[in-house]
C-alpha atoms as a PDB file:
ATOM      1  CA  UNK A   1       0.000   0.000   0.000  1.00  0.00           C
ATOM      2  CA  UNK A   2       1.339   3.414  -1.007  1.00  0.00           C
ATOM      3  CA  UNK A   3      -0.756   5.482   1.391  1.00  0.00           C
ATOM      4  CA  UNK A   4      -0.046   6.095   5.069  1.00  0.00           C
ATOM      5  CA  UNK A   5      -3.375   5.718   6.884  1.00  0.00           C
ATOM      6  CA  UNK A   6      -3.364   8.592   9.361  1.00  0.00           C
ATOM      7  CA  UNK A   7      -6.865   7.828  10.652  1.00  0.00           C
ATOM      8  CA  UNK A   8      -5.598   4.562  12.149  1.00  0.00           C
ATOM      9  CA  UNK A   9      -3.297   6.494  14.483  1.00  0.00           C
ATOM     10  CA  UNK A  10      -5.589   9.414  15.277  1.00  0.00           C
ATOM     11  CA  UNK A  11      -9.350   9.331  14.740  1.00  0.00           C
ATOM     12  CA  UNK A  12      -9.502  13.033  15.605  1.00  0.00           C
ATOM     13  CA  UNK A  13      -7.121  14.213  12.856  1.00  0.00           C
ATOM     14  CA  UNK A  14      -9.137  16.488  10.585  1.00  0.00           C
ATOM     15  CA  UNK A  15      -6.550  17.695   8.051  1.00  0.00           C
ATOM     16  CA  UNK A  16      -3.412  16.535   6.305  1.00  0.00           C
ATOM     17  CA  UNK A  17      -0.922  17.630   3.672  1.00  0.00           C
ATOM     18  CA  UNK A  18      -0.307  15.006   1.016  1.00  0.00           C
ATOM     19  CA  UNK A  19       1.136  14.431  -2.443  1.00  0.00           C
ATOM     20  CA  UNK A  20      -0.879  12.970  -5.319  1.00  0.00           C
ATOM     21  CA  UNK A  21       0.763   9.709  -6.430  1.00  0.00           C
ATOM     22  CA  UNK A  22      -1.746   8.377  -8.963  1.00  0.00           C
ATOM     23  CA  UNK A  23      -4.696   9.760 -10.909  1.00  0.00           C
ATOM     24  CA  UNK A  24      -7.463   7.939 -12.722  1.00  0.00           C
ATOM     25  CA  UNK A  25     -10.222   9.635 -14.712  1.00  0.00           C
ATOM     26  CA  UNK A  26     -13.661   8.092 -14.205  1.00  0.00           C
ATOM     27  CA  UNK A  27     -15.832  10.645 -15.995  1.00  0.00           C
ATOM     28  CA  UNK A  28     -16.102  14.289 -16.935  1.00  0.00           C
ATOM     29  CA  UNK A  29     -14.614  16.209 -14.024  1.00  0.00           C
ATOM     30  CA  UNK A  30     -14.366  13.060 -11.885  1.00  0.00           C
ATOM     31  CA  UNK A  31     -11.094  11.488 -10.760  1.00  0.00           C
ATOM     32  CA  UNK A  32      -9.692   8.834  -8.458  1.00  0.00           C
ATOM     33  CA  UNK A  33      -6.627   9.890  -6.512  1.00  0.00           C
ATOM     34  CA  UNK A  34      -4.068   7.860  -4.596  1.00  0.00           C
ATOM     35  CA  UNK A  35      -2.225  10.010  -2.045  1.00  0.00           C
ATOM     36  CA  UNK A  36       0.925   9.379  -0.033  1.00  0.00           C
ATOM     37  CA  UNK A  37      -1.093   9.797   3.189  1.00  0.00           C
ATOM     38  CA  UNK A  38      -4.703  10.399   4.149  1.00  0.00           C
ATOM     39  CA  UNK A  39      -7.059  11.190   7.015  1.00  0.00           C
ATOM     40  CA  UNK A  40     -10.040  10.087   4.899  1.00  0.00           C
ATOM     41  CA  UNK A  41     -11.571   6.817   6.084  1.00  0.00           C
ATOM     42  CA  UNK A  42     -12.590   4.477   3.224  1.00  0.00           C
ATOM     43  CA  UNK A  43     -15.948   2.763   3.445  1.00  0.00           C
ATOM     44  CA  UNK A  44     -15.659  -0.585   5.195  1.00  0.00           C
ATOM     45  CA  UNK A  45     -16.230  -2.501   8.390  1.00  0.00           C
ATOM     46  CA  UNK A  46     -19.777  -1.193   8.535  1.00  0.00           C
ATOM     47  CA  UNK A  47     -18.618   2.435   8.635  1.00  0.00           C
ATOM     48  CA  UNK A  48     -19.497   4.896   5.876  1.00  0.00           C
ATOM     49  CA  UNK A  49     -16.932   6.759   3.819  1.00  0.00           C
ATOM     50  CA  UNK A  50     -15.523  10.100   4.830  1.00  0.00           C
ATOM     51  CA  UNK A  51     -16.199  13.122   2.654  1.00  0.00           C
ATOM     52  CA  UNK A  52     -14.506  16.501   2.455  1.00  0.00           C
ATOM     53  CA  UNK A  53     -12.185  18.516   0.238  1.00  0.00           C
ATOM     54  CA  UNK A  54      -8.682  18.695  -1.226  1.00  0.00           C
ATOM     55  CA  UNK A  55      -6.983  22.007  -1.997  1.00  0.00           C
ATOM     56  CA  UNK A  56      -3.901  22.394  -4.190  1.00  0.00           C
ATOM     57  CA  UNK A  57      -2.198  25.306  -5.906  1.00  0.00           C
ATOM     58  CA  UNK A  58      -5.063  26.869  -7.894  1.00  0.00           C
ATOM     59  CA  UNK A  59      -6.972  23.577  -7.653  1.00  0.00           C
ATOM     60  CA  UNK A  60      -9.903  22.424  -5.520  1.00  0.00           C
ATOM     61  CA  UNK A  61     -11.483  18.988  -5.418  1.00  0.00           C
ATOM     62  CA  UNK A  62     -14.532  17.702  -3.574  1.00  0.00           C
ATOM     63  CA  UNK A  63     -14.004  14.266  -2.010  1.00  0.00           C
ATOM     64  CA  UNK A  64     -17.276  12.414  -2.458  1.00  0.00           C
ATOM     65  CA  UNK A  65     -16.260   8.859  -1.604  1.00  0.00           C
ATOM     66  CA  UNK A  66     -13.190   6.942  -0.457  1.00  0.00           C
ATOM     67  CA  UNK A  67     -12.744   3.212  -1.055  1.00  0.00           C
ATOM     68  CA  UNK A  68     -10.100   0.551  -0.522  1.00  0.00           C
ATOM     69  CA  UNK A  69      -9.629  -1.027  -3.950  1.00  0.00           C
ATOM     70  CA  UNK A  70      -6.833  -3.209  -5.319  1.00  0.00           C
ATOM     71  CA  UNK A  71      -4.905  -2.691  -2.104  1.00  0.00           C
ATOM     72  CA  UNK A  72      -4.954   1.103  -2.333  1.00  0.00           C
ATOM     73  CA  UNK A  73      -7.060   3.874  -0.782  1.00  0.00           C
ATOM     74  CA  UNK A  74      -8.730   5.673  -3.670  1.00  0.00           C
ATOM     75  CA  UNK A  75     -10.326   9.091  -3.262  1.00  0.00           C
ATOM     76  CA  UNK A  76     -13.182   9.764  -5.683  1.00  0.00           C
ATOM     77  CA  UNK A  77     -12.996  13.481  -6.372  1.00  0.00           C
ATOM     78  CA  UNK A  78     -14.961  15.921  -8.498  1.00  0.00           C
ATOM     79  CA  UNK A  79     -13.292  19.066  -9.807  1.00  0.00           C
ATOM     80  CA  UNK A  80     -13.719  21.612 -12.586  1.00  0.00           C
ATOM     81  CA  UNK A  81     -10.007  21.329 -13.432  1.00  0.00           C
ATOM     82  CA  UNK A  82      -7.796  18.222 -13.583  1.00  0.00           C
ATOM     83  CA  UNK A  83      -5.255  17.547 -10.818  1.00  0.00           C
ATOM     84  CA  UNK A  84      -1.694  16.453 -11.570  1.00  0.00           C
ATOM     85  CA  UNK A  85       0.652  13.788 -10.227  1.00  0.00           C
ATOM     86  CA  UNK A  86       3.108  15.275  -7.742  1.00  0.00           C
ATOM     87  CA  UNK A  87       0.743  18.069  -6.735  1.00  0.00           C
ATOM     88  CA  UNK A  88       0.760  18.870  -3.032  1.00  0.00           C
ATOM     89  CA  UNK A  89      -2.731  19.081  -1.563  1.00  0.00           C
ATOM     90  CA  UNK A  90      -4.254  19.931   1.795  1.00  0.00           C
ATOM     91  CA  UNK A  91      -7.110  17.635   2.722  1.00  0.00           C
ATOM     92  CA  UNK A  92      -9.889  18.317   5.193  1.00  0.00           C
ATOM     93  CA  UNK A  93     -12.622  15.884   6.179  1.00  0.00           C
ATOM     94  CA  UNK A  94     -16.208  16.836   6.899  1.00  0.00           C
ATOM     95  CA  UNK A  95     -15.676  16.648  10.654  1.00  0.00           C
ATOM     96  CA  UNK A  96     -19.325  16.918  11.656  1.00  0.00           C
ATOM     97  CA  UNK A  97     -20.098  13.873   9.515  1.00  0.00           C
ATOM     98  CA  UNK A  98     -17.027  11.930  10.706  1.00  0.00           C
ATOM     99  CA  UNK A  99     -17.606  12.607  14.407  1.00  0.00           C
ATOM    100  CA  UNK A 100     -21.214  11.462  14.111  1.00  0.00           C
ATOM    101  CA  UNK A 101     -20.039   8.258  12.420  1.00  0.00           C
ATOM    102  CA  UNK A 102     -17.443   7.750  15.155  1.00  0.00           C
ATOM    103  CA  UNK A 103     -20.100   7.999  17.860  1.00  0.00           C
ATOM    104  CA  UNK A 104     -22.405   5.579  16.056  1.00  0.00           C
ATOM    105  CA  UNK A 105     -19.549   3.130  15.477  1.00  0.00           C
ATOM    106  CA  UNK A 106     -18.383   3.246  19.087  1.00  0.00           C
ATOM    107  CA  UNK A 107     -22.002   2.992  20.213  1.00  0.00           C
ATOM    108  CA  UNK A 108     -22.254  -0.284  18.331  1.00  0.00           C
ATOM    109  CA  UNK A 109     -19.186  -1.595  20.104  1.00  0.00           C
ATOM    110  CA  UNK A 110     -20.654  -0.585  23.463  1.00  0.00           C
ATOM    111  CA  UNK A 111     -23.831  -2.510  22.655  1.00  0.00           C
ATOM    112  CA  UNK A 112     -21.633  -5.470  21.764  1.00  0.00           C
ATOM    113  CA  UNK A 113     -19.513  -5.135  24.929  1.00  0.00           C
ATOM    114  CA  UNK A 114     -22.772  -4.948  26.891  1.00  0.00           C
ATOM    115  CA  UNK A 115     -23.891  -8.173  25.230  1.00  0.00           C
ATOM    116  CA  UNK A 116     -20.609  -9.739  26.378  1.00  0.00           C
ATOM    117  CA  UNK A 117     -20.918  -8.434  29.950  1.00  0.00           C
ATOM    118  CA  UNK A 118     -24.475  -9.771  30.184  1.00  0.00           C
ATOM    119  CA  UNK A 119     -23.197 -13.211  29.222  1.00  0.00           C
ATOM    120  CA  UNK A 120     -24.946 -13.550  25.854  1.00  0.00           C
ATOM    121  CA  UNK A 121     -21.867 -13.117  23.674  1.00  0.00           C
ATOM    122  CA  UNK A 122     -19.861 -14.862  22.330  1.00  0.00           C
ATOM    123  CA  UNK A 123     -21.189 -18.257  23.456  1.00  0.00           C
ATOM    124  CA  UNK A 124     -24.913 -17.870  22.712  1.00  0.00           C
ATOM    125  CA  UNK A 125     -24.602 -15.030  20.220  1.00  0.00           C
ATOM    126  CA  UNK A 126     -21.540 -14.582  17.989  1.00  0.00           C
ATOM    127  CA  UNK A 127     -21.316 -11.206  16.219  1.00  0.00           C
ATOM    128  CA  UNK A 128     -20.419 -11.488  12.563  1.00  0.00           C
ATOM    129  CA  UNK A 129     -21.434  -8.250  10.833  1.00  0.00           C
ATOM    130  CA  UNK A 130     -22.872  -4.817  11.440  1.00  0.00           C
ATOM    131  CA  UNK A 131     -23.656  -1.461   9.940  1.00  0.00           C
ATOM    132  CA  UNK A 132     -22.923   1.790  11.744  1.00  0.00           C
ATOM    133  CA  UNK A 133     -24.754   4.230   9.497  1.00  0.00           C
ATOM    134  CA  UNK A 134     -28.187   5.843   9.526  1.00  0.00           C
ATOM    135  CA  UNK A 135     -29.896   2.542  10.347  1.00  0.00           C
ATOM    136  CA  UNK A 136     -27.339   0.985  12.662  1.00  0.00           C
ATOM    137  CA  UNK A 137     -27.489  -2.693  13.525  1.00  0.00           C
ATOM    138  CA  UNK A 138     -25.423  -5.687  14.620  1.00  0.00           C
ATOM    139  CA  UNK A 139     -26.116  -9.206  13.397  1.00  0.00           C
ATOM    140  CA  UNK A 140     -25.307 -12.180  15.618  1.00  0.00           C
ATOM    141  CA  UNK A 141     -25.286 -15.867  14.814  1.00  0.00           C
ATOM    142  CA  UNK A 142     -27.602 -17.599  17.279  1.00  0.00           C
ATOM    143  CA  UNK A 143     -30.840 -16.659  19.019  1.00  0.00           C
ATOM    144  CA  UNK A 144     -32.092 -15.657  22.464  1.00  0.00           C
ATOM    145  CA  UNK A 145     -35.437 -16.897  23.738  1.00  0.00           C
ATOM    146  CA  UNK A 146     -36.344 -13.890  25.860  1.00  0.00           C
ATOM    147  CA  UNK A 147     -36.677 -10.126  25.560  1.00  0.00           C
ATOM    148  CA  UNK A 148     -33.260  -8.616  26.327  1.00  0.00           C
ATOM    149  CA  UNK A 149     -33.760  -5.190  24.724  1.00  0.00           C
ATOM    150  CA  UNK A 150     -34.085  -3.156  27.934  1.00  0.00           C
ATOM    151  CA  UNK A 151     -31.275  -4.830  29.872  1.00  0.00           C
ATOM    152  CA  UNK A 152     -29.008  -4.494  26.837  1.00  0.00           C
ATOM    153  CA  UNK A 153     -29.809  -0.787  26.508  1.00  0.00           C
ATOM    154  CA  UNK A 154     -29.300  -0.230  30.238  1.00  0.00           C
ATOM    155  CA  UNK A 155     -25.921  -1.983  30.258  1.00  0.00           C
ATOM    156  CA  UNK A 156     -24.716  -0.114  27.166  1.00  0.00           C
ATOM    157  CA  UNK A 157     -25.648   3.246  28.713  1.00  0.00           C
ATOM    158  CA  UNK A 158     -24.002   2.217  31.958  1.00  0.00           C
ATOM    159  CA  UNK A 159     -20.748   1.907  29.987  1.00  0.00           C
ATOM    160  CA  UNK A 160     -21.367   5.349  28.476  1.00  0.00           C
ATOM    161  CA  UNK A 161     -21.936   6.987  31.859  1.00  0.00           C
ATOM    162  CA  UNK A 162     -18.805   5.439  33.372  1.00  0.00           C
ATOM    163  CA  UNK A 163     -16.754   7.505  30.889  1.00  0.00           C
ATOM    164  CA  UNK A 164     -14.404   4.610  30.199  1.00  0.00           C
ATOM    165  CA  UNK A 165     -11.331   4.972  28.006  1.00  0.00           C
ATOM    166  CA  UNK A 166     -11.164   3.380  24.568  1.00  0.00           C
ATOM    167  CA  UNK A 167      -7.680   2.722  23.239  1.00  0.00           C
ATOM    168  CA  UNK A 168      -6.464   1.100  20.052  1.00  0.00           C
ATOM    169  CA  UNK A 169      -3.241  -0.442  18.787  1.00  0.00           C
ATOM    170  CA  UNK A 170      -2.001  -2.436  15.834  1.00  0.00           C
ATOM    171  CA  UNK A 171      -2.037  -6.179  16.375  1.00  0.00           C
ATOM    172  CA  UNK A 172      -1.105  -9.345  14.543  1.00  0.00           C
ATOM    173  CA  UNK A 173      -3.643 -12.098  13.980  1.00  0.00           C
ATOM    174  CA  UNK A 174      -1.836 -14.145  16.618  1.00  0.00           C
ATOM    175  CA  UNK A 175      -2.122 -11.314  19.158  1.00  0.00           C
ATOM    176  CA  UNK A 176      -5.822 -10.919  18.418  1.00  0.00           C
ATOM    177  CA  UNK A 177      -6.375 -14.644  18.847  1.00  0.00           C
ATOM    178  CA  UNK A 178      -4.741 -14.346  22.260  1.00  0.00           C
ATOM    179  CA  UNK A 179      -6.174 -11.043  23.517  1.00  0.00           C
ATOM    180  CA  UNK A 180      -9.623 -10.536  21.966  1.00  0.00           C
ATOM    181  CA  UNK A 181     -12.786 -11.608  23.793  1.00  0.00           C
ATOM    182  CA  UNK A 182     -13.801 -13.136  20.457  1.00  0.00           C
ATOM    183  CA  UNK A 183     -12.422 -13.168  16.920  1.00  0.00           C
ATOM    184  CA  UNK A 184     -14.967 -12.316  14.268  1.00  0.00           C
ATOM    185  CA  UNK A 185     -14.765 -14.183  10.932  1.00  0.00           C
ATOM    186  CA  UNK A 186     -13.591 -12.566   7.724  1.00  0.00           C
ATOM    187  CA  UNK A 187     -10.999 -10.169   9.101  1.00  0.00           C
ATOM    188  CA  UNK A 188      -9.587  -8.029   6.253  1.00  0.00           C
ATOM    189  CA  UNK A 189      -6.341  -9.018   4.601  1.00  0.00           C
ATOM    190  CA  UNK A 190      -5.879  -5.794   2.615  1.00  0.00           C
ATOM    191  CA  UNK A 191      -5.319  -3.410   5.524  1.00  0.00           C
ATOM    192  CA  UNK A 192      -3.562  -3.397   8.911  1.00  0.00           C
ATOM    193  CA  UNK A 193      -5.257  -5.204  11.785  1.00  0.00           C
ATOM    194  CA  UNK A 194      -6.018  -3.298  14.964  1.00  0.00           C
ATOM    195  CA  UNK A 195      -7.633  -4.002  18.273  1.00  0.00           C
ATOM    196  CA  UNK A 196      -9.686  -1.636  20.383  1.00  0.00           C
ATOM    197  CA  UNK A 197      -9.736  -2.060  24.132  1.00  0.00           C
ATOM    198  CA  UNK A 198     -12.504  -0.869  26.431  1.00  0.00           C
ATOM    199  CA  UNK A 199     -11.112  -0.039  29.846  1.00  0.00           C
ATOM    200  CA  UNK A 200     -11.823  -2.815  32.325  1.00  0.00           C
ATOM    201  CA  UNK A 201     -13.762  -4.935  29.827  1.00  0.00           C
ATOM    202  CA  UNK A 202     -11.664  -6.347  26.989  1.00  0.00           C
ATOM    203  CA  UNK A 203     -10.530  -6.085  23.379  1.00  0.00           C
ATOM    204  CA  UNK A 204     -11.956  -6.817  19.934  1.00  0.00           C
ATOM    205  CA  UNK A 205     -10.607  -6.438  16.406  1.00  0.00           C
ATOM    206  CA  UNK A 206     -11.579  -3.227  14.625  1.00  0.00           C
ATOM    207  CA  UNK A 207     -10.179  -1.036  11.865  1.00  0.00           C
ATOM    208  CA  UNK A 208     -12.583   1.895  12.016  1.00  0.00           C
ATOM    209  CA  UNK A 209     -12.550   5.242  13.798  1.00  0.00           C
ATOM    210  CA  UNK A 210     -13.663   5.476  17.417  1.00  0.00           C
ATOM    211  CA  UNK A 211     -14.116   8.092  20.128  1.00  0.00           C
ATOM    212  CA  UNK A 212     -11.636   8.063  23.017  1.00  0.00           C
ATOM    213  CA  UNK A 213     -14.120   8.221  25.890  1.00  0.00           C
ATOM    214  CA  UNK A 214     -17.442   6.412  26.127  1.00  0.00           C
ATOM    215  CA  UNK A 215     -19.244   9.505  27.423  1.00  0.00           C
ATOM    216  CA  UNK A 216     -18.738  11.113  23.997  1.00  0.00           C
ATOM    217  CA  UNK A 217     -21.194   8.649  22.468  1.00  0.00           C
ATOM    218  CA  UNK A 218     -24.226  10.128  24.198  1.00  0.00           C
ATOM    219  CA  UNK A 219     -27.350   8.096  24.882  1.00  0.00           C
ATOM    220  CA  UNK A 220     -27.768   4.724  23.170  1.00  0.00           C
ATOM    221  CA  UNK A 221     -31.243   3.508  22.266  1.00  0.00           C
ATOM    222  CA  UNK A 222     -31.595  -0.192  21.525  1.00  0.00           C
ATOM    223  CA  UNK A 223     -34.608  -0.069  19.243  1.00  0.00           C
ATOM    224  CA  UNK A 224     -35.168  -3.786  18.794  1.00  0.00           C
ATOM    225  CA  UNK A 225     -33.682  -7.242  19.304  1.00  0.00           C
ATOM    226  CA  UNK A 226     -35.132  -9.723  16.828  1.00  0.00           C
ATOM    227  CA  UNK A 227     -34.213 -13.428  16.802  1.00  0.00           C
ATOM    228  CA  UNK A 228     -35.188 -15.619  13.860  1.00  0.00           C
ATOM    229  CA  UNK A 229     -33.647 -18.071  11.399  1.00  0.00           C
ATOM    230  CA  UNK A 230     -30.684 -18.679  13.743  1.00  0.00           C
ATOM    231  CA  UNK A 231     -29.797 -14.977  13.716  1.00  0.00           C
ATOM    232  CA  UNK A 232     -30.324 -12.120  16.138  1.00  0.00           C
ATOM    233  CA  UNK A 233     -30.407  -8.565  14.826  1.00  0.00           C
ATOM    234  CA  UNK A 234     -29.886  -5.720  17.281  1.00  0.00           C
ATOM    235  CA  UNK A 235     -30.961  -2.331  15.925  1.00  0.00           C
ATOM    236  CA  UNK A 236     -29.745   0.752  17.771  1.00  0.00           C
ATOM    237  CA  UNK A 237     -29.194   4.459  17.448  1.00  0.00           C
ATOM    238  CA  UNK A 238     -27.195   7.161  19.188  1.00  0.00           C
ATOM    239  CA  UNK A 239     -29.125  10.241  20.324  1.00  0.00           C
END
């Protein structure tokens, strides 16, 4: 990979200065850019893409989407003038959007940690996918035969109110197998592995952007817990 992923080290970084390494044209006034470093998070792991802007010398581009493709982070940019390889650009993410996504993403992890603390995960329910966007949810393999919505919401908000620290670090697969409270299937092979650790609770694998303190999430509402067809879907939102 040619791009240094700044968002993996600091979820709160809003700007960067980078050099354009590659350019692809995908339509009139639309380009894909590979940069030497980026704060823009590419869509993945249930978290939506960052958006924002790039500014060069007499050039401005609007970053509409960022994806990880063919082992590279590619910024889909619209501009009235073409960029050039070697151009130095200043990038700035839409922070309001990013911070909201961070809170939703961390909120999902707190729901999942609450599921673990209540004893439902990972033995009865094993998480295997989720979405941390407008309609946030976590899907577990397995079912529960009682209504756990309220106790799950209460436990998740208890973690919020405790203002616990969330930390993250790079980790090998072997370290994750040793340290994580569970290891979800299908971990990515095209980007670095990381683990996030909730103070006093445990660690799980994650490559997204998170808040540093649980109190930042705000109130979590568990909207529903539905078990059917050997799956349990937990829908939630952050308010």
